[in-house]
């Protein structure tokens, strides 16, 4: 009897550890260039976070209430999305379920990219591109209205280790990870991948094409 109880305890402990690991890995996602995130998102807005509270948004298959964290926002500008005003964004209540934590202290302004649900609500996760507005570069801000959409027909391929190659003229090689050791480097902050008149794609910075020496490094 003692062995049986211990065995059950061990089994439960193993199941618990497995479940925790499963939750921890549930939110893994590959980093995306801001342009990729823009093109893949239903909604792209600039907003100020005003308050937050937990709300019930329905029930699961067992009848248990499903909770979401609701951030009430003040919409400043819509770059992509529905014509109606958005007054809130929803996320999972904990980070292990991809829940997003936004700063409430200073009512910060954020660039928020997310998914538009069928009921008209906006849902965001840790895999979405969400950045404080002040931390974005001038070119990133400009690209939200003038650049990123022009490149949605292009593919941005992330280089994780050299050598890196492209398989198509419609790709741009994203090398921030190998050049700057992070995914918020020079290309993410200052470049957009734009489709040219011949349907090929190339990195584009501001009002002038990228320097040739940069292209030699980025596109071997």
C-alpha atoms as a PDB file:
ATOM      1  CA  UNK A   1       0.000   0.000   0.000  1.00  0.00           C
ATOM      2  CA  UNK A   2       2.806   2.344   0.853  1.00  0.00           C
ATOM      3  CA  UNK A   3       4.485   1.669  -2.503  1.00  0.00           C
ATOM      4  CA  UNK A   4       1.208   2.315  -4.329  1.00  0.00           C
ATOM      5  CA  UNK A   5       0.664   5.713  -2.664  1.00  0.00           C
ATOM      6  CA  UNK A   6       4.270   6.736  -3.324  1.00  0.00           C
ATOM      7  CA  UNK A   7       3.919   5.608  -6.906  1.00  0.00           C
ATOM      8  CA  UNK A   8       0.825   7.736  -7.323  1.00  0.00           C
ATOM      9  CA  UNK A   9       2.587  10.730  -5.842  1.00  0.00           C
ATOM     10  CA  UNK A  10       5.527  10.248  -8.172  1.00  0.00           C
ATOM     11  CA  UNK A  11       3.217   9.850 -11.123  1.00  0.00           C
ATOM     12  CA  UNK A  12       1.334  13.016 -10.240  1.00  0.00           C
ATOM     13  CA  UNK A  13       4.597  14.879  -9.776  1.00  0.00           C
ATOM     14  CA  UNK A  14       5.802  13.760 -13.198  1.00  0.00           C
ATOM     15  CA  UNK A  15       2.503  14.794 -14.765  1.00  0.00           C
ATOM     16  CA  UNK A  16       2.719  18.162 -13.018  1.00  0.00           C
ATOM     17  CA  UNK A  17       6.273  18.747 -14.228  1.00  0.00           C
ATOM     18  CA  UNK A  18       5.288  17.717 -17.745  1.00  0.00           C
ATOM     19  CA  UNK A  19       2.346  20.095 -17.682  1.00  0.00           C
ATOM     20  CA  UNK A  20       4.480  23.008 -16.454  1.00  0.00           C
ATOM     21  CA  UNK A  21       7.066  22.354 -19.157  1.00  0.00           C
ATOM     22  CA  UNK A  22       4.293  22.124 -21.717  1.00  0.00           C
ATOM     23  CA  UNK A  23       2.945  25.512 -20.661  1.00  0.00           C
ATOM     24  CA  UNK A  24       6.391  27.063 -20.642  1.00  0.00           C
ATOM     25  CA  UNK A  25       6.978  25.935 -24.200  1.00  0.00           C
ATOM     26  CA  UNK A  26       3.476  26.790 -25.356  1.00  0.00           C
ATOM     27  CA  UNK A  27       4.450  30.359 -26.224  1.00  0.00           C
ATOM     28  CA  UNK A  28       7.652  29.781 -28.180  1.00  0.00           C
ATOM     29  CA  UNK A  29       7.628  31.645 -31.477  1.00  0.00           C
ATOM     30  CA  UNK A  30      10.182  32.752 -34.034  1.00  0.00           C
ATOM     31  CA  UNK A  31      11.071  36.459 -33.989  1.00  0.00           C
ATOM     32  CA  UNK A  32       9.757  38.510 -36.884  1.00  0.00           C
ATOM     33  CA  UNK A  33      11.016  41.640 -38.592  1.00  0.00           C
ATOM     34  CA  UNK A  34       8.604  44.548 -37.891  1.00  0.00           C
ATOM     35  CA  UNK A  35       7.565  44.499 -41.544  1.00  0.00           C
ATOM     36  CA  UNK A  36       6.690  40.795 -41.353  1.00  0.00           C
ATOM     37  CA  UNK A  37       4.688  41.448 -38.204  1.00  0.00           C
ATOM     38  CA  UNK A  38       2.875  44.328 -39.895  1.00  0.00           C
ATOM     39  CA  UNK A  39       1.971  42.259 -42.955  1.00  0.00           C
ATOM     40  CA  UNK A  40       0.799  39.283 -40.881  1.00  0.00           C
ATOM     41  CA  UNK A  41      -1.303  41.307 -38.427  1.00  0.00           C
ATOM     42  CA  UNK A  42      -4.994  42.147 -38.752  1.00  0.00           C
ATOM     43  CA  UNK A  43      -4.639  45.258 -36.623  1.00  0.00           C
ATOM     44  CA  UNK A  44      -1.790  47.765 -36.226  1.00  0.00           C
ATOM     45  CA  UNK A  45      -2.459  50.710 -33.918  1.00  0.00           C
ATOM     46  CA  UNK A  46      -0.784  53.326 -31.780  1.00  0.00           C
ATOM     47  CA  UNK A  47      -2.514  53.519 -28.421  1.00  0.00           C
ATOM     48  CA  UNK A  48      -2.138  54.613 -24.821  1.00  0.00           C
ATOM     49  CA  UNK A  49      -2.844  52.017 -22.134  1.00  0.00           C
ATOM     50  CA  UNK A  50      -5.292  53.362 -19.566  1.00  0.00           C
ATOM     51  CA  UNK A  51      -6.245  50.446 -17.279  1.00  0.00           C
ATOM     52  CA  UNK A  52      -6.523  46.666 -17.042  1.00  0.00           C
ATOM     53  CA  UNK A  53      -8.860  44.103 -15.492  1.00  0.00           C
ATOM     54  CA  UNK A  54      -9.691  40.416 -15.797  1.00  0.00           C
ATOM     55  CA  UNK A  55     -12.904  39.567 -17.577  1.00  0.00           C
ATOM     56  CA  UNK A  56     -14.783  36.418 -18.556  1.00  0.00           C
ATOM     57  CA  UNK A  57     -15.069  35.957 -22.303  1.00  0.00           C
ATOM     58  CA  UNK A  58     -17.034  32.736 -22.450  1.00  0.00           C
ATOM     59  CA  UNK A  59     -16.546  29.158 -21.274  1.00  0.00           C
ATOM     60  CA  UNK A  60     -14.499  26.135 -22.287  1.00  0.00           C
ATOM     61  CA  UNK A  61     -15.833  22.725 -23.344  1.00  0.00           C
ATOM     62  CA  UNK A  62     -16.264  21.776 -19.671  1.00  0.00           C
ATOM     63  CA  UNK A  63     -18.292  24.873 -18.850  1.00  0.00           C
ATOM     64  CA  UNK A  64     -15.486  26.604 -16.951  1.00  0.00           C
ATOM     65  CA  UNK A  65     -15.216  30.379 -17.482  1.00  0.00           C
ATOM     66  CA  UNK A  66     -12.438  31.535 -19.802  1.00  0.00           C
ATOM     67  CA  UNK A  67     -10.618  34.548 -18.425  1.00  0.00           C
ATOM     68  CA  UNK A  68      -8.814  37.235 -20.386  1.00  0.00           C
ATOM     69  CA  UNK A  69      -6.877  40.304 -19.352  1.00  0.00           C
ATOM     70  CA  UNK A  70      -8.559  43.337 -20.880  1.00  0.00           C
ATOM     71  CA  UNK A  71      -6.477  46.455 -21.459  1.00  0.00           C
ATOM     72  CA  UNK A  72      -8.572  49.565 -21.902  1.00  0.00           C
ATOM     73  CA  UNK A  73      -6.791  51.846 -24.358  1.00  0.00           C
ATOM     74  CA  UNK A  74      -7.034  55.309 -25.838  1.00  0.00           C
ATOM     75  CA  UNK A  75      -6.651  54.933 -29.599  1.00  0.00           C
ATOM     76  CA  UNK A  76      -4.277  57.458 -31.131  1.00  0.00           C
ATOM     77  CA  UNK A  77      -3.899  56.195 -34.699  1.00  0.00           C
ATOM     78  CA  UNK A  78      -4.900  53.160 -36.757  1.00  0.00           C
ATOM     79  CA  UNK A  79      -2.311  52.070 -39.327  1.00  0.00           C
ATOM     80  CA  UNK A  80      -4.118  48.878 -40.291  1.00  0.00           C
ATOM     81  CA  UNK A  81      -7.434  47.416 -39.246  1.00  0.00           C
ATOM     82  CA  UNK A  82     -11.158  48.123 -38.972  1.00  0.00           C
ATOM     83  CA  UNK A  83     -12.634  51.556 -39.501  1.00  0.00           C
ATOM     84  CA  UNK A  84     -14.340  51.615 -36.115  1.00  0.00           C
ATOM     85  CA  UNK A  85     -12.513  52.817 -33.018  1.00  0.00           C
ATOM     86  CA  UNK A  86     -10.780  50.217 -30.872  1.00  0.00           C
ATOM     87  CA  UNK A  87     -11.111  50.847 -27.139  1.00  0.00           C
ATOM     88  CA  UNK A  88      -9.556  47.658 -25.728  1.00  0.00           C
ATOM     89  CA  UNK A  89      -7.176  44.805 -26.460  1.00  0.00           C
ATOM     90  CA  UNK A  90      -7.368  41.348 -24.885  1.00  0.00           C
ATOM     91  CA  UNK A  91      -4.661  38.880 -23.925  1.00  0.00           C
ATOM     92  CA  UNK A  92      -4.222  35.703 -21.903  1.00  0.00           C
ATOM     93  CA  UNK A  93      -3.964  36.327 -18.153  1.00  0.00           C
ATOM     94  CA  UNK A  94      -0.517  34.704 -17.723  1.00  0.00           C
ATOM     95  CA  UNK A  95       2.705  34.777 -19.747  1.00  0.00           C
ATOM     96  CA  UNK A  96       2.908  30.973 -20.015  1.00  0.00           C
ATOM     97  CA  UNK A  97      -0.222  31.202 -22.156  1.00  0.00           C
ATOM     98  CA  UNK A  98       1.334  33.998 -24.235  1.00  0.00           C
ATOM     99  CA  UNK A  99      -0.245  36.759 -22.160  1.00  0.00           C
ATOM    100  CA  UNK A 100       1.205  40.249 -22.682  1.00  0.00           C
ATOM    101  CA  UNK A 101       2.113  42.554 -19.796  1.00  0.00           C
ATOM    102  CA  UNK A 102       1.774  46.265 -20.584  1.00  0.00           C
ATOM    103  CA  UNK A 103       2.882  49.141 -18.357  1.00  0.00           C
ATOM    104  CA  UNK A 104       0.026  50.819 -16.518  1.00  0.00           C
ATOM    105  CA  UNK A 105       1.998  53.223 -14.354  1.00  0.00           C
ATOM    106  CA  UNK A 106       2.737  55.953 -16.853  1.00  0.00           C
ATOM    107  CA  UNK A 107      -0.112  55.255 -19.281  1.00  0.00           C
ATOM    108  CA  UNK A 108       2.498  54.483 -21.910  1.00  0.00           C
ATOM    109  CA  UNK A 109       1.936  54.687 -25.631  1.00  0.00           C
ATOM    110  CA  UNK A 110       2.536  51.486 -27.569  1.00  0.00           C
ATOM    111  CA  UNK A 111       2.590  50.299 -31.128  1.00  0.00           C
ATOM    112  CA  UNK A 112       0.330  47.247 -30.959  1.00  0.00           C
ATOM    113  CA  UNK A 113      -0.020  44.620 -33.674  1.00  0.00           C
ATOM    114  CA  UNK A 114      -2.579  41.884 -33.147  1.00  0.00           C
ATOM    115  CA  UNK A 115      -5.385  39.698 -34.422  1.00  0.00           C
ATOM    116  CA  UNK A 116      -8.958  40.798 -35.070  1.00  0.00           C
ATOM    117  CA  UNK A 117     -11.375  38.185 -33.734  1.00  0.00           C
ATOM    118  CA  UNK A 118     -14.712  37.368 -35.361  1.00  0.00           C
ATOM    119  CA  UNK A 119     -16.547  39.255 -32.610  1.00  0.00           C
ATOM    120  CA  UNK A 120     -14.620  42.433 -33.431  1.00  0.00           C
ATOM    121  CA  UNK A 121     -12.273  42.328 -30.442  1.00  0.00           C
ATOM    122  CA  UNK A 122      -8.490  42.607 -30.753  1.00  0.00           C
ATOM    123  CA  UNK A 123      -6.344  39.867 -29.220  1.00  0.00           C
ATOM    124  CA  UNK A 124      -2.581  40.090 -28.663  1.00  0.00           C
ATOM    125  CA  UNK A 125       0.061  37.569 -27.581  1.00  0.00           C
ATOM    126  CA  UNK A 126       3.761  37.546 -26.767  1.00  0.00           C
ATOM    127  CA  UNK A 127       4.366  36.467 -30.367  1.00  0.00           C
ATOM    128  CA  UNK A 128       2.917  39.733 -31.682  1.00  0.00           C
ATOM    129  CA  UNK A 129       4.999  42.847 -32.272  1.00  0.00           C
ATOM    130  CA  UNK A 130       4.281  45.228 -29.392  1.00  0.00           C
ATOM    131  CA  UNK A 131       6.733  48.040 -28.639  1.00  0.00           C
ATOM    132  CA  UNK A 132       6.704  51.279 -26.633  1.00  0.00           C
ATOM    133  CA  UNK A 133       6.185  54.048 -29.176  1.00  0.00           C
ATOM    134  CA  UNK A 134       9.179  55.999 -27.864  1.00  0.00           C
ATOM    135  CA  UNK A 135      11.541  53.083 -28.482  1.00  0.00           C
ATOM    136  CA  UNK A 136      10.741  52.903 -32.185  1.00  0.00           C
ATOM    137  CA  UNK A 137      13.091  54.497 -34.699  1.00  0.00           C
ATOM    138  CA  UNK A 138      11.893  57.345 -36.957  1.00  0.00           C
ATOM    139  CA  UNK A 139      12.123  55.059 -39.995  1.00  0.00           C
ATOM    140  CA  UNK A 140      10.036  52.364 -38.277  1.00  0.00           C
ATOM    141  CA  UNK A 141       7.350  54.942 -37.567  1.00  0.00           C
ATOM    142  CA  UNK A 142       7.437  56.263 -41.133  1.00  0.00           C
ATOM    143  CA  UNK A 143       7.325  52.751 -42.566  1.00  0.00           C
ATOM    144  CA  UNK A 144       3.998  52.052 -40.865  1.00  0.00           C
ATOM    145  CA  UNK A 145       2.284  54.285 -43.427  1.00  0.00           C
ATOM    146  CA  UNK A 146       4.713  54.454 -46.351  1.00  0.00           C
ATOM    147  CA  UNK A 147       6.937  51.392 -46.554  1.00  0.00           C
ATOM    148  CA  UNK A 148       5.907  48.143 -44.890  1.00  0.00           C
ATOM    149  CA  UNK A 149       2.736  47.583 -46.909  1.00  0.00           C
ATOM    150  CA  UNK A 150       4.686  47.995 -50.160  1.00  0.00           C
ATOM    151  CA  UNK A 151       6.747  44.953 -49.197  1.00  0.00           C
ATOM    152  CA  UNK A 152       4.029  42.538 -48.112  1.00  0.00           C
ATOM    153  CA  UNK A 153       4.621  40.584 -51.305  1.00  0.00           C
ATOM    154  CA  UNK A 154       8.243  40.023 -50.300  1.00  0.00           C
ATOM    155  CA  UNK A 155       9.620  37.377 -47.968  1.00  0.00           C
ATOM    156  CA  UNK A 156      12.082  38.311 -45.227  1.00  0.00           C
ATOM    157  CA  UNK A 157      14.375  35.361 -44.512  1.00  0.00           C
ATOM    158  CA  UNK A 158      16.137  35.363 -41.150  1.00  0.00           C
ATOM    159  CA  UNK A 159      19.805  34.386 -41.157  1.00  0.00           C
ATOM    160  CA  UNK A 160      20.696  32.476 -37.991  1.00  0.00           C
ATOM    161  CA  UNK A 161      24.282  31.533 -38.881  1.00  0.00           C
ATOM    162  CA  UNK A 162      26.617  32.200 -41.790  1.00  0.00           C
ATOM    163  CA  UNK A 163      26.762  31.465 -44.613  1.00  0.00           C
ATOM    164  CA  UNK A 164      23.210  32.465 -45.548  1.00  0.00           C
ATOM    165  CA  UNK A 165      21.673  32.316 -48.998  1.00  0.00           C
ATOM    166  CA  UNK A 166      18.460  33.371 -50.685  1.00  0.00           C
ATOM    167  CA  UNK A 167      16.334  31.047 -52.809  1.00  0.00           C
ATOM    168  CA  UNK A 168      14.351  33.707 -54.655  1.00  0.00           C
ATOM    169  CA  UNK A 169      14.643  37.297 -55.903  1.00  0.00           C
ATOM    170  CA  UNK A 170      11.535  38.107 -53.887  1.00  0.00           C
ATOM    171  CA  UNK A 171      13.402  37.545 -50.601  1.00  0.00           C
ATOM    172  CA  UNK A 172      15.414  39.887 -48.407  1.00  0.00           C
ATOM    173  CA  UNK A 173      18.050  38.433 -46.105  1.00  0.00           C
ATOM    174  CA  UNK A 174      17.602  39.547 -42.487  1.00  0.00           C
ATOM    175  CA  UNK A 175      20.966  39.335 -40.745  1.00  0.00           C
ATOM    176  CA  UNK A 176      20.465  41.273 -37.500  1.00  0.00           C
ATOM    177  CA  UNK A 177      20.989  38.103 -35.449  1.00  0.00           C
ATOM    178  CA  UNK A 178      24.435  37.358 -36.893  1.00  0.00           C
ATOM    179  CA  UNK A 179      25.502  41.011 -37.352  1.00  0.00           C
ATOM    180  CA  UNK A 180      24.184  42.592 -34.135  1.00  0.00           C
ATOM    181  CA  UNK A 181      23.516  39.501 -31.999  1.00  0.00           C
ATOM    182  CA  UNK A 182      19.848  40.445 -31.566  1.00  0.00           C
ATOM    183  CA  UNK A 183      16.707  40.772 -33.661  1.00  0.00           C
ATOM    184  CA  UNK A 184      16.280  44.508 -33.060  1.00  0.00           C
ATOM    185  CA  UNK A 185      19.356  45.565 -34.984  1.00  0.00           C
ATOM    186  CA  UNK A 186      20.047  47.809 -37.941  1.00  0.00           C
ATOM    187  CA  UNK A 187      17.722  46.165 -40.441  1.00  0.00           C
ATOM    188  CA  UNK A 188      14.809  45.937 -38.022  1.00  0.00           C
ATOM    189  CA  UNK A 189      15.141  49.589 -36.989  1.00  0.00           C
ATOM    190  CA  UNK A 190      16.107  51.264 -40.252  1.00  0.00           C
ATOM    191  CA  UNK A 191      15.115  49.134 -43.267  1.00  0.00           C
ATOM    192  CA  UNK A 192      12.086  47.809 -45.101  1.00  0.00           C
ATOM    193  CA  UNK A 193      12.060  45.078 -47.752  1.00  0.00           C
ATOM    194  CA  UNK A 194      10.392  46.645 -50.786  1.00  0.00           C
ATOM    195  CA  UNK A 195       9.195  45.062 -54.022  1.00  0.00           C
ATOM    196  CA  UNK A 196      10.673  46.804 -57.062  1.00  0.00           C
ATOM    197  CA  UNK A 197       9.137  47.303 -60.508  1.00  0.00           C
ATOM    198  CA  UNK A 198      10.686  44.049 -61.787  1.00  0.00           C
ATOM    199  CA  UNK A 199       9.025  42.158 -58.869  1.00  0.00           C
ATOM    200  CA  UNK A 200      12.365  41.539 -57.112  1.00  0.00           C
ATOM    201  CA  UNK A 201      12.778  42.684 -53.513  1.00  0.00           C
ATOM    202  CA  UNK A 202      15.536  44.688 -51.830  1.00  0.00           C
ATOM    203  CA  UNK A 203      16.207  46.499 -48.573  1.00  0.00           C
ATOM    204  CA  UNK A 204      15.190  50.149 -48.646  1.00  0.00           C
ATOM    205  CA  UNK A 205      16.129  52.866 -46.169  1.00  0.00           C
ATOM    206  CA  UNK A 206      14.398  56.241 -45.907  1.00  0.00           C
ATOM    207  CA  UNK A 207      14.358  58.265 -49.112  1.00  0.00           C
ATOM    208  CA  UNK A 208      17.451  56.625 -50.639  1.00  0.00           C
ATOM    209  CA  UNK A 209      18.440  53.046 -51.509  1.00  0.00           C
ATOM    210  CA  UNK A 210      20.755  51.229 -49.080  1.00  0.00           C
ATOM    211  CA  UNK A 211      24.484  51.756 -49.519  1.00  0.00           C
ATOM    212  CA  UNK A 212      26.178  49.241 -51.803  1.00  0.00           C
ATOM    213  CA  UNK A 213      28.649  48.073 -49.169  1.00  0.00           C
ATOM    214  CA  UNK A 214      25.720  47.246 -46.885  1.00  0.00           C
ATOM    215  CA  UNK A 215      24.069  45.222 -49.643  1.00  0.00           C
ATOM    216  CA  UNK A 216      27.308  43.361 -50.304  1.00  0.00           C
ATOM    217  CA  UNK A 217      27.324  42.255 -46.675  1.00  0.00           C
ATOM    218  CA  UNK A 218      23.618  41.486 -46.419  1.00  0.00           C
ATOM    219  CA  UNK A 219      23.148  39.667 -49.717  1.00  0.00           C
ATOM    220  CA  UNK A 220      26.235  37.513 -50.463  1.00  0.00           C
END
